[in-house]
């Protein structure tokens, strides 16, 4: 078999390409690790919510409705104000 002789330019480009591939792989692995941690936290809070008494389970829903109502009231108040000319 014949040995291929690559130029310095070609070797440098190959090295840069390899570096970028490894960098992308490491970033993907880091992202997957963060996602796994987030998923674990989600599962933990979900488990706690299941074990909690019924009024505590309804708390996030009540809070969400309260926030939605406050936003709607604020929006209505802003619409009724006369435009400054």
Protein backbone atom coordinates (compact mmCIF):
# COMPACT_ATOMS: atom_id res chain seq x y z
CA UNK A 1 0.00 0.00 0.00
CA UNK A 2 1.15 3.47 -0.78
CA UNK A 3 1.65 5.99 2.03
CA UNK A 4 -0.32 9.20 1.58
CA UNK A 5 1.61 12.40 2.11
CA UNK A 6 -0.58 15.17 3.41
CA UNK A 7 0.38 18.79 3.34
CA UNK A 8 0.78 20.85 6.52
CA UNK A 9 -2.33 22.79 5.59
CA UNK A 10 -4.35 19.59 5.26
CA UNK A 11 -3.04 18.20 8.56
CA UNK A 12 -3.90 21.49 10.32
CA UNK A 13 -7.43 21.43 8.90
CA UNK A 14 -7.88 17.82 10.00
CA UNK A 15 -6.70 18.71 13.50
CA UNK A 16 -9.15 21.62 13.70
CA UNK A 17 -11.98 19.40 12.44
CA UNK A 18 -11.19 16.74 15.02
CA UNK A 19 -11.02 19.34 17.79
CA UNK A 20 -14.42 20.74 16.82
CA UNK A 21 -15.93 17.24 16.76
CA UNK A 22 -14.64 16.48 20.24
CA UNK A 23 -15.85 19.87 21.47
CA UNK A 24 -19.34 19.22 20.07
CA UNK A 25 -19.43 15.77 21.67
CA UNK A 26 -18.40 17.15 25.05
CA UNK A 27 -21.05 19.89 24.87
CA UNK A 28 -23.72 17.34 23.94
CA UNK A 29 -22.68 15.15 26.86
CA UNK A 30 -22.78 18.12 29.22
CA UNK A 31 -26.25 19.06 27.95
CA UNK A 32 -27.47 15.50 28.41
CA UNK A 33 -26.15 15.53 31.97
CA UNK A 34 -27.98 18.76 32.74
CA UNK A 35 -31.17 17.37 31.19
CA UNK A 36 -30.88 14.24 33.32
CA UNK A 37 -30.47 16.36 36.46
CA UNK A 38 -33.49 18.47 35.51
CA UNK A 39 -35.55 15.35 34.82
CA UNK A 40 -34.54 13.87 38.18
CA UNK A 41 -35.61 17.08 39.94
CA UNK A 42 -38.92 17.02 38.05
CA UNK A 43 -39.54 13.41 39.03
CA UNK A 44 -38.69 14.16 42.67
CA UNK A 45 -41.13 17.08 42.89
CA UNK A 46 -43.78 15.07 41.08
CA UNK A 47 -43.39 12.28 43.63
CA UNK A 48 -43.65 14.73 46.51
CA UNK A 49 -46.77 16.27 44.97
CA UNK A 50 -48.41 12.83 44.70
CA UNK A 51 -47.73 12.10 48.37
CA UNK A 52 -48.93 15.52 49.53
CA UNK A 53 -52.44 16.05 50.89
CA UNK A 54 -55.12 17.17 48.40
CA UNK A 55 -55.18 20.90 49.33
CA UNK A 56 -51.42 21.12 48.72
CA UNK A 57 -51.84 19.45 45.32
CA UNK A 58 -54.39 22.11 44.32
CA UNK A 59 -52.13 24.98 45.41
CA UNK A 60 -50.27 25.39 42.08
CA UNK A 61 -53.60 25.40 40.19
CA UNK A 62 -55.10 28.02 42.52
CA UNK A 63 -51.95 30.12 42.29
CA UNK A 64 -52.03 29.88 38.47
CA UNK A 65 -55.66 30.99 38.36
CA UNK A 66 -54.88 33.90 40.71
CA UNK A 67 -52.00 35.06 38.55
CA UNK A 68 -54.10 34.77 35.38
CA UNK A 69 -56.86 36.82 37.02
CA UNK A 70 -54.40 39.52 38.09
CA UNK A 71 -52.93 39.74 34.59
CA UNK A 72 -56.41 39.95 33.05
CA UNK A 73 -57.48 42.72 35.47
CA UNK A 74 -54.31 44.70 34.75
CA UNK A 75 -54.84 44.31 31.02
CA UNK A 76 -58.45 45.50 31.33
CA UNK A 77 -57.35 48.55 33.34
CA UNK A 78 -54.75 49.46 30.71
CA UNK A 79 -57.32 49.24 27.91
CA UNK A 80 -59.76 51.62 29.66
CA UNK A 81 -57.24 54.43 30.18
CA UNK A 82 -57.64 57.24 27.60
CA UNK A 83 -54.77 57.62 25.17
CA UNK A 84 -52.53 60.63 25.91
CA UNK A 85 -52.61 63.02 22.97
